[in-house]
Amino acid sequence: MGDPGAASRRKNRLPKGGGESSDLHAAARNGDLTTVESICNANPLAVNTRDRHSRTPEILLGEALWYQIEVQRKLQEQLVAQKKLQTSIKAQRKYLQAMLEKAQKIFVST
């Protein structure tokens, strides 16, 4: 007995020759929302197509957006670390400046 949904899935699978569906999947994979909207407006049924891994453009777009959020989170962490480092360097500079001034006063007074 065969899978009753297999014919439907085969029908919605990405054509081997590429074309509009592969463009849609590529745009979704890259997070190119403008191209995704343009292709979907021209062919609303394109959202049902699946790539060779059986993923819809919506899944690919979701993955791309998730990765963009992760990159943004990592960049934010780096920014926070950089600000802490700058604060530490500034405090160290003030400390060294005070030590230098103190040493100069001692040297001048002797």
Protein backbone atom coordinates (compact mmCIF):
# COMPACT_ATOMS: atom_id res chain seq x y z
CA MET A 1 0.00 0.00 0.00
CA GLY A 2 1.44 3.37 -1.00
CA ASP A 3 1.55 6.65 0.81
CA PRO A 4 -1.68 8.55 -0.02
CA GLY A 5 0.05 11.95 0.26
CA ALA A 6 3.04 10.99 -1.92
CA ALA A 7 1.47 12.16 -5.18
CA SER A 8 0.63 15.52 -3.63
CA ARG A 9 4.17 15.96 -2.29
CA ARG A 10 5.69 15.01 -5.67
CA LYS A 11 3.48 17.56 -7.39
CA ASN A 12 4.67 20.35 -5.07
CA ARG A 13 8.34 19.39 -5.24
CA LEU A 14 10.84 21.77 -6.82
CA PRO A 15 11.25 21.12 -10.53
CA LYS A 16 14.71 19.88 -11.55
CA GLY A 17 15.08 22.57 -14.19
CA GLY A 18 14.94 25.37 -11.61
CA GLY A 19 12.91 28.39 -12.63
CA GLU A 20 10.59 30.47 -10.50
CA SER A 21 10.34 27.90 -7.69
CA SER A 22 14.09 27.54 -7.32
CA ASP A 23 14.37 31.36 -7.37
CA LEU A 24 11.81 31.49 -4.59
CA HIS A 25 13.67 28.92 -2.53
CA ALA A 26 16.99 30.72 -3.09
CA ALA A 27 15.46 34.05 -2.07
CA ALA A 28 13.92 32.48 1.03
CA ARG A 29 17.17 30.75 1.93
CA ASN A 30 19.00 34.12 1.68
CA GLY A 31 16.32 35.99 3.62
CA ASP A 32 15.50 38.18 0.60
CA LEU A 33 11.97 39.15 1.61
CA THR A 34 11.48 41.54 -1.32
CA THR A 35 12.12 38.81 -3.90
CA VAL A 36 10.02 36.30 -1.96
CA GLU A 37 7.07 38.72 -1.92
CA SER A 38 7.51 39.53 -5.62
CA ILE A 39 7.51 35.88 -6.69
CA CYS A 40 4.60 34.99 -4.38
CA ASN A 41 2.55 37.94 -5.65
CA ALA A 42 3.12 36.78 -9.23
CA ASN A 43 2.38 33.13 -8.40
CA PRO A 44 0.64 32.55 -5.05
CA LEU A 45 0.87 28.77 -5.46
CA ALA A 46 4.67 28.97 -5.43
CA VAL A 47 4.60 28.98 -1.62
CA ASN A 48 3.55 25.32 -1.72
CA THR A 49 6.59 24.13 -3.67
CA ARG A 50 9.24 22.09 -1.92
CA ASP A 51 12.95 21.85 -2.53
CA ARG A 52 14.89 18.60 -2.84
CA HIS A 53 14.89 18.34 0.97
CA SER A 54 11.10 18.78 1.04
CA ARG A 55 11.33 22.25 2.61
CA THR A 56 8.89 25.00 1.68
CA PRO A 57 10.05 28.59 1.10
CA GLU A 58 8.43 29.50 4.42
CA ILE A 59 10.68 27.05 6.27
CA LEU A 60 13.77 28.36 4.48
CA LEU A 61 12.84 31.97 5.20
CA GLY A 62 12.25 31.13 8.85
CA GLU A 63 15.68 29.49 9.05
CA ALA A 64 17.35 32.48 7.36
CA LEU A 65 15.67 34.91 9.74
CA TRP A 66 16.63 32.78 12.73
CA TYR A 67 20.29 32.85 11.61
CA GLN A 68 20.12 36.62 11.15
CA ILE A 69 18.78 36.98 14.69
CA GLU A 70 21.57 34.75 16.00
CA VAL A 71 24.19 36.84 14.20
CA GLN A 72 22.67 40.02 15.62
CA ARG A 73 22.69 38.50 19.12
CA LYS A 74 26.39 37.57 18.77
CA LEU A 75 27.22 41.05 17.51
CA GLN A 76 25.38 42.56 20.48
CA GLU A 77 27.39 40.35 22.85
CA GLN A 78 30.59 41.54 21.18
CA LEU A 79 29.51 45.16 21.52
CA VAL A 80 28.84 44.72 25.25
CA ALA A 81 32.23 43.04 25.71
CA GLN A 82 33.93 45.85 23.76
CA LYS A 83 32.26 48.51 25.93
CA LYS A 84 33.41 46.72 29.10
CA LEU A 85 36.94 46.54 27.72
CA GLN A 86 36.90 50.26 26.84
CA THR A 87 35.74 51.10 30.36
CA SER A 88 38.50 48.96 31.83
CA ILE A 89 41.13 50.58 29.61
CA LYS A 90 39.90 54.04 30.57
CA ALA A 91 40.13 53.19 34.28
CA GLN A 92 43.61 51.73 33.78
CA ARG A 93 44.70 54.89 31.95
CA LYS A 94 43.45 57.09 34.80
CA TYR A 95 45.26 54.94 37.34
CA LEU A 96 48.52 55.04 35.39
CA GLN A 97 48.19 58.80 34.86
CA ALA A 98 47.72 59.32 38.61
CA MET A 99 50.74 57.11 39.36
CA LEU A 100 52.85 59.04 36.84
CA GLU A 101 51.81 62.40 38.33
CA LYS A 102 52.61 61.13 41.82
CA ALA A 103 56.03 59.90 40.68
CA GLN A 104 56.73 63.24 39.00
CA LYS A 105 55.86 65.14 42.20
CA ILE A 106 58.16 62.90 44.21
CA PHE A 107 60.96 63.32 41.66
CA VAL A 108 60.58 67.12 41.52
CA SER A 109 60.52 67.49 45.32
CA THR A 110 63.78 65.56 45.80
